[in-house]
N, C-alpha and C. Protein backbone atom coordinates (compact mmCIF):
# COMPACT_ATOMS: atom_id res chain seq x y z
N MET A 1 -4.25 -12.72 -24.61
CA MET A 1 -4.83 -14.02 -24.39
C MET A 1 -4.16 -15.03 -25.30
N ALA A 2 -4.45 -16.26 -25.07
CA ALA A 2 -3.79 -17.33 -25.80
C ALA A 2 -4.74 -17.97 -26.81
N ASN A 3 -4.16 -18.82 -27.60
CA ASN A 3 -4.95 -19.62 -28.52
C ASN A 3 -5.38 -20.89 -27.80
N TYR A 4 -6.63 -21.25 -27.96
CA TYR A 4 -7.16 -22.46 -27.33
C TYR A 4 -7.55 -23.47 -28.39
N ARG A 5 -7.49 -24.73 -28.04
CA ARG A 5 -7.88 -25.80 -28.95
C ARG A 5 -9.21 -26.35 -28.45
N THR A 6 -10.17 -26.48 -29.35
CA THR A 6 -11.49 -27.00 -28.99
C THR A 6 -11.43 -28.51 -28.90
N ALA A 7 -12.54 -29.09 -28.47
CA ALA A 7 -12.63 -30.55 -28.36
C ALA A 7 -12.53 -31.22 -29.73
N LEU A 8 -12.92 -30.50 -30.77
CA LEU A 8 -12.84 -31.05 -32.12
C LEU A 8 -11.49 -30.79 -32.77
N GLY A 9 -10.56 -30.11 -32.06
CA GLY A 9 -9.23 -29.88 -32.57
C GLY A 9 -9.04 -28.56 -33.29
N LYS A 10 -10.06 -27.72 -33.33
CA LYS A 10 -9.93 -26.41 -33.99
C LYS A 10 -9.26 -25.44 -33.03
N THR A 11 -8.52 -24.47 -33.58
CA THR A 11 -7.84 -23.46 -32.78
C THR A 11 -8.70 -22.20 -32.75
N VAL A 12 -8.87 -21.63 -31.56
CA VAL A 12 -9.65 -20.41 -31.39
C VAL A 12 -8.75 -19.36 -30.75
N ASP A 13 -8.61 -18.20 -31.41
CA ASP A 13 -7.84 -17.08 -30.87
C ASP A 13 -8.80 -16.22 -30.06
N MET A 14 -8.73 -16.32 -28.73
CA MET A 14 -9.68 -15.63 -27.86
C MET A 14 -9.52 -14.11 -27.91
N ALA A 15 -8.30 -13.62 -28.06
CA ALA A 15 -8.08 -12.17 -28.12
C ALA A 15 -8.73 -11.59 -29.38
N ALA A 16 -8.57 -12.26 -30.50
CA ALA A 16 -9.18 -11.78 -31.74
C ALA A 16 -10.69 -11.83 -31.64
N LEU A 17 -11.22 -12.89 -31.06
CA LEU A 17 -12.67 -13.02 -30.89
C LEU A 17 -13.22 -11.91 -30.01
N GLN A 18 -12.49 -11.58 -28.96
CA GLN A 18 -12.93 -10.52 -28.05
C GLN A 18 -12.91 -9.15 -28.73
N THR A 19 -11.86 -8.83 -29.47
CA THR A 19 -11.79 -7.53 -30.13
C THR A 19 -12.82 -7.40 -31.24
N ARG A 20 -13.15 -8.50 -31.91
CA ARG A 20 -14.18 -8.45 -32.96
C ARG A 20 -15.55 -8.15 -32.39
N ASN A 21 -15.81 -8.61 -31.18
CA ASN A 21 -17.16 -8.51 -30.61
C ASN A 21 -17.27 -7.54 -29.44
N GLU A 22 -16.33 -6.64 -29.26
CA GLU A 22 -16.40 -5.77 -28.08
C GLU A 22 -17.48 -4.70 -28.18
N ARG A 23 -17.99 -4.43 -29.36
CA ARG A 23 -19.07 -3.43 -29.51
C ARG A 23 -20.45 -4.08 -29.54
N VAL A 24 -20.53 -5.39 -29.40
CA VAL A 24 -21.79 -6.11 -29.45
C VAL A 24 -22.45 -6.08 -28.07
N ARG A 25 -23.78 -5.98 -28.05
CA ARG A 25 -24.52 -5.94 -26.79
C ARG A 25 -24.24 -7.22 -26.01
N ALA A 26 -23.95 -7.05 -24.72
CA ALA A 26 -23.68 -8.20 -23.86
C ALA A 26 -25.00 -8.82 -23.41
N VAL A 27 -24.96 -10.10 -23.13
CA VAL A 27 -26.15 -10.80 -22.66
C VAL A 27 -26.37 -10.45 -21.19
N GLY A 28 -27.59 -10.10 -20.84
CA GLY A 28 -27.92 -9.77 -19.47
C GLY A 28 -28.83 -8.56 -19.42
N ASN A 29 -29.05 -8.05 -18.24
CA ASN A 29 -29.99 -6.94 -18.07
C ASN A 29 -29.30 -5.63 -17.68
N MET A 30 -28.01 -5.48 -17.99
CA MET A 30 -27.29 -4.29 -17.56
C MET A 30 -27.19 -3.21 -18.63
N SER A 31 -27.60 -3.43 -19.86
CA SER A 31 -27.51 -2.46 -20.97
C SER A 31 -26.07 -2.01 -21.19
N VAL A 32 -25.18 -2.97 -21.38
CA VAL A 32 -23.79 -2.69 -21.67
C VAL A 32 -23.35 -3.55 -22.85
N ASN A 33 -22.26 -3.11 -23.49
CA ASN A 33 -21.66 -3.95 -24.52
C ASN A 33 -20.55 -4.79 -23.88
N ALA A 34 -19.84 -5.55 -24.69
CA ALA A 34 -18.83 -6.46 -24.15
C ALA A 34 -17.67 -5.72 -23.48
N ARG A 35 -17.41 -4.48 -23.87
CA ARG A 35 -16.34 -3.69 -23.23
C ARG A 35 -16.76 -3.19 -21.87
N GLY A 36 -18.06 -2.97 -21.66
CA GLY A 36 -18.56 -2.42 -20.42
C GLY A 36 -19.13 -1.03 -20.59
N ASP A 37 -19.18 -0.51 -21.86
CA ASP A 37 -19.78 0.79 -22.13
C ASP A 37 -21.28 0.71 -21.89
N SER A 38 -21.86 1.75 -21.29
CA SER A 38 -23.32 1.81 -21.16
C SER A 38 -23.90 2.16 -22.53
N ILE A 39 -24.90 1.40 -22.95
CA ILE A 39 -25.48 1.62 -24.27
C ILE A 39 -26.99 1.81 -24.15
N ASP A 40 -27.59 2.43 -25.20
CA ASP A 40 -29.04 2.61 -25.22
C ASP A 40 -29.68 1.41 -25.93
N ALA A 41 -30.98 1.51 -26.21
CA ALA A 41 -31.72 0.41 -26.82
C ALA A 41 -31.25 0.11 -28.24
N PHE A 42 -30.62 1.08 -28.90
CA PHE A 42 -30.18 0.89 -30.28
C PHE A 42 -28.72 0.47 -30.37
N GLY A 43 -28.02 0.33 -29.24
CA GLY A 43 -26.62 -0.08 -29.24
C GLY A 43 -25.64 1.06 -29.30
N ASN A 44 -26.14 2.31 -29.20
CA ASN A 44 -25.24 3.47 -29.21
C ASN A 44 -24.63 3.66 -27.81
N VAL A 45 -23.36 4.02 -27.78
CA VAL A 45 -22.66 4.21 -26.50
C VAL A 45 -23.16 5.48 -25.84
N VAL A 46 -23.67 5.35 -24.63
CA VAL A 46 -24.14 6.49 -23.85
C VAL A 46 -23.03 7.00 -22.95
N LYS A 47 -22.36 6.07 -22.28
CA LYS A 47 -21.26 6.44 -21.38
C LYS A 47 -20.15 5.40 -21.54
N PRO A 48 -18.96 5.83 -22.01
CA PRO A 48 -17.88 4.87 -22.18
C PRO A 48 -17.39 4.31 -20.84
N VAL A 49 -16.82 3.14 -20.89
CA VAL A 49 -16.36 2.47 -19.67
C VAL A 49 -15.26 3.28 -18.99
N THR A 50 -14.42 3.98 -19.75
CA THR A 50 -13.35 4.77 -19.14
C THR A 50 -13.91 5.89 -18.29
N GLN A 51 -15.00 6.50 -18.76
CA GLN A 51 -15.64 7.56 -17.99
C GLN A 51 -16.25 7.00 -16.70
N LYS A 52 -16.86 5.83 -16.79
CA LYS A 52 -17.45 5.21 -15.60
C LYS A 52 -16.36 4.87 -14.57
N VAL A 53 -15.24 4.35 -15.04
CA VAL A 53 -14.15 3.99 -14.13
C VAL A 53 -13.58 5.25 -13.48
N ASN A 54 -13.40 6.32 -14.27
CA ASN A 54 -12.87 7.57 -13.72
C ASN A 54 -13.79 8.16 -12.65
N GLU A 55 -15.10 8.07 -12.88
CA GLU A 55 -16.05 8.59 -11.88
C GLU A 55 -15.96 7.79 -10.58
N LYS A 56 -15.92 6.48 -10.69
CA LYS A 56 -15.83 5.64 -9.49
C LYS A 56 -14.53 5.90 -8.76
N TYR A 57 -13.45 6.03 -9.51
CA TYR A 57 -12.14 6.28 -8.89
C TYR A 57 -12.12 7.63 -8.18
N SER A 58 -12.68 8.65 -8.82
CA SER A 58 -12.66 9.98 -8.19
C SER A 58 -13.52 10.00 -6.94
N LYS A 59 -14.59 9.22 -6.92
CA LYS A 59 -15.40 9.15 -5.70
C LYS A 59 -14.62 8.51 -4.57
N THR A 60 -13.86 7.49 -4.89
CA THR A 60 -13.08 6.80 -3.86
C THR A 60 -11.90 7.63 -3.41
N VAL A 61 -11.15 8.18 -4.36
CA VAL A 61 -9.96 8.93 -4.03
C VAL A 61 -10.32 10.29 -3.45
N GLY A 62 -11.39 10.87 -3.94
CA GLY A 62 -11.81 12.17 -3.43
C GLY A 62 -12.32 12.11 -2.01
N ASN A 63 -12.72 10.93 -1.58
CA ASN A 63 -13.24 10.75 -0.24
C ASN A 63 -12.08 10.67 0.74
N ARG A 64 -12.01 11.57 1.68
CA ARG A 64 -10.89 11.62 2.63
C ARG A 64 -10.86 10.38 3.52
N SER A 65 -12.02 9.82 3.82
CA SER A 65 -12.04 8.66 4.70
C SER A 65 -11.48 7.42 4.01
N ALA A 66 -11.45 7.43 2.67
CA ALA A 66 -10.91 6.29 1.95
C ALA A 66 -9.39 6.34 1.87
N GLN A 67 -8.80 7.47 2.19
CA GLN A 67 -7.36 7.62 2.12
C GLN A 67 -6.71 7.06 3.39
N PRO A 68 -5.61 6.34 3.24
CA PRO A 68 -4.93 5.87 4.45
C PRO A 68 -4.31 7.04 5.19
N ARG A 69 -4.43 7.01 6.46
CA ARG A 69 -3.86 8.10 7.27
C ARG A 69 -2.53 7.65 7.81
N ARG A 70 -1.54 8.46 7.55
CA ARG A 70 -0.22 8.18 8.08
C ARG A 70 0.01 9.10 9.27
N PRO A 71 0.34 8.53 10.39
CA PRO A 71 0.58 9.39 11.55
C PRO A 71 1.82 10.26 11.30
N THR A 72 1.69 11.50 11.67
CA THR A 72 2.82 12.40 11.50
C THR A 72 3.77 12.17 12.66
N GLN A 73 4.96 11.74 12.32
CA GLN A 73 5.94 11.46 13.35
C GLN A 73 6.99 12.56 13.33
N GLN A 74 7.12 13.21 14.44
CA GLN A 74 8.12 14.25 14.56
C GLN A 74 9.28 13.67 15.34
N PRO A 75 10.49 13.98 14.92
CA PRO A 75 11.62 13.43 15.66
C PRO A 75 11.62 13.94 17.09
N THR A 76 11.77 13.02 17.99
CA THR A 76 11.76 13.39 19.40
C THR A 76 13.09 13.02 20.01
N ALA A 77 13.48 13.79 20.97
CA ALA A 77 14.72 13.51 21.68
C ALA A 77 14.48 12.34 22.63
N PRO A 78 15.49 11.52 22.85
CA PRO A 78 15.29 10.40 23.78
C PRO A 78 14.97 10.93 25.17
N ALA A 79 14.13 10.20 25.84
CA ALA A 79 13.71 10.63 27.18
C ALA A 79 14.90 10.55 28.12
N PRO A 80 15.06 11.56 28.94
CA PRO A 80 16.18 11.53 29.88
C PRO A 80 15.97 10.41 30.90
N ALA A 81 17.07 9.85 31.33
CA ALA A 81 17.00 8.77 32.32
C ALA A 81 16.46 9.33 33.63
N PRO A 82 15.59 8.60 34.27
CA PRO A 82 15.04 9.11 35.53
C PRO A 82 16.14 9.21 36.60
N ALA A 83 16.01 10.22 37.40
CA ALA A 83 16.99 10.42 38.47
C ALA A 83 16.81 9.31 39.50
N VAL A 84 17.90 8.71 39.86
CA VAL A 84 17.85 7.59 40.80
C VAL A 84 18.28 8.09 42.17
N ASP A 85 17.50 7.76 43.14
CA ASP A 85 17.85 8.11 44.52
C ASP A 85 18.67 6.95 45.07
N PHE A 86 20.01 7.17 45.12
CA PHE A 86 20.91 6.11 45.54
C PHE A 86 20.78 5.77 47.02
N SER A 87 20.15 6.64 47.80
CA SER A 87 20.06 6.37 49.24
C SER A 87 19.16 5.17 49.53
N GLU A 88 18.21 4.85 48.61
CA GLU A 88 17.30 3.73 48.86
C GLU A 88 17.86 2.41 48.34
N LEU A 89 18.97 2.44 47.62
CA LEU A 89 19.53 1.23 47.04
C LEU A 89 20.57 0.62 47.97
N ASN A 90 20.70 -0.69 47.89
CA ASN A 90 21.76 -1.33 48.67
C ASN A 90 23.06 -1.24 47.89
N GLU A 91 24.13 -1.76 48.43
CA GLU A 91 25.45 -1.59 47.85
C GLU A 91 25.56 -2.22 46.46
N ILE A 92 25.02 -3.41 46.27
CA ILE A 92 25.10 -4.09 44.98
C ILE A 92 24.32 -3.33 43.91
N GLU A 93 23.15 -2.85 44.28
CA GLU A 93 22.33 -2.10 43.33
C GLU A 93 23.03 -0.81 42.92
N ARG A 94 23.72 -0.14 43.85
CA ARG A 94 24.44 1.09 43.53
C ARG A 94 25.55 0.80 42.51
N GLU A 95 26.27 -0.29 42.72
CA GLU A 95 27.35 -0.65 41.78
C GLU A 95 26.78 -0.92 40.38
N LEU A 96 25.66 -1.61 40.33
CA LEU A 96 25.02 -1.90 39.03
C LEU A 96 24.59 -0.62 38.33
N GLU A 97 24.02 0.31 39.06
CA GLU A 97 23.57 1.58 38.47
C GLU A 97 24.75 2.36 37.92
N GLU A 98 25.85 2.41 38.68
CA GLU A 98 27.02 3.14 38.23
C GLU A 98 27.65 2.49 37.01
N SER A 99 27.68 1.15 36.99
CA SER A 99 28.26 0.46 35.83
C SER A 99 27.37 0.60 34.60
N SER A 100 26.06 0.64 34.78
CA SER A 100 25.17 0.80 33.62
C SER A 100 25.33 2.20 33.02
N ALA A 101 25.58 3.19 33.85
CA ALA A 101 25.83 4.54 33.33
C ALA A 101 27.11 4.56 32.51
N ASP A 102 28.13 3.84 32.98
CA ASP A 102 29.38 3.74 32.24
C ASP A 102 29.16 3.01 30.91
N ASP A 103 28.34 1.95 30.94
CA ASP A 103 28.05 1.19 29.72
C ASP A 103 27.36 2.07 28.68
N ILE A 104 26.48 2.92 29.11
CA ILE A 104 25.78 3.81 28.18
C ILE A 104 26.76 4.77 27.53
N GLU A 105 27.70 5.31 28.29
CA GLU A 105 28.71 6.22 27.73
C GLU A 105 29.59 5.49 26.72
N VAL A 106 29.95 4.24 27.02
CA VAL A 106 30.77 3.46 26.10
C VAL A 106 30.02 3.23 24.79
N GLU A 107 28.73 2.92 24.88
CA GLU A 107 27.92 2.68 23.68
C GLU A 107 27.82 3.95 22.82
N LYS A 108 27.71 5.10 23.46
CA LYS A 108 27.66 6.36 22.72
C LYS A 108 28.97 6.60 21.97
N ILE A 109 30.09 6.30 22.62
CA ILE A 109 31.40 6.48 21.98
C ILE A 109 31.54 5.53 20.80
N LYS A 110 31.09 4.28 20.96
CA LYS A 110 31.15 3.30 19.87
C LYS A 110 30.29 3.76 18.69
N ALA A 111 29.12 4.28 18.97
CA ALA A 111 28.23 4.74 17.91
C ALA A 111 28.86 5.91 17.15
N ALA A 112 29.52 6.81 17.85
CA ALA A 112 30.17 7.94 17.20
C ALA A 112 31.31 7.46 16.32
N GLU A 113 32.05 6.45 16.77
CA GLU A 113 33.15 5.90 15.96
C GLU A 113 32.62 5.22 14.71
N VAL A 114 31.50 4.53 14.83
CA VAL A 114 30.91 3.87 13.66
C VAL A 114 30.46 4.90 12.64
N LYS A 115 29.90 6.00 13.09
CA LYS A 115 29.48 7.06 12.17
C LYS A 115 30.66 7.65 11.43
N LYS A 116 31.78 7.82 12.13
CA LYS A 116 33.00 8.36 11.51
C LYS A 116 33.51 7.41 10.44
N VAL A 117 33.47 6.11 10.72
CA VAL A 117 33.98 5.11 9.78
C VAL A 117 33.09 5.07 8.54
N LYS A 118 31.78 5.20 8.69
CA LYS A 118 30.85 5.16 7.55
C LYS A 118 31.01 6.35 6.63
N LYS A 119 31.41 7.49 7.17
CA LYS A 119 31.56 8.70 6.36
C LYS A 119 32.82 8.58 5.60
């Protein structure tokens, strides 16, 4: 924390003030000190704040529903191209289908060349 200047011009070191008073009973109805430790009526620590945090964390982490689920992805082979019945296509459509098959082969060759260059 930083040093603050009051309206009267005095400097207050908030970090030092906090560490000096961390064992003092906090104002309110929660029965805790300034650190967050649970205390009894005499100011004795019943349960330290670290233990309380660990219990809350273990409840959250131990709960399977609180964990994010990552879908298991297995590598899959690309789906084969559907068989085309050329008898139902007109002449222009047949030419396009044949040229697209050639384009796919060219792209595969280019990809293989790129892999060779990267290695």
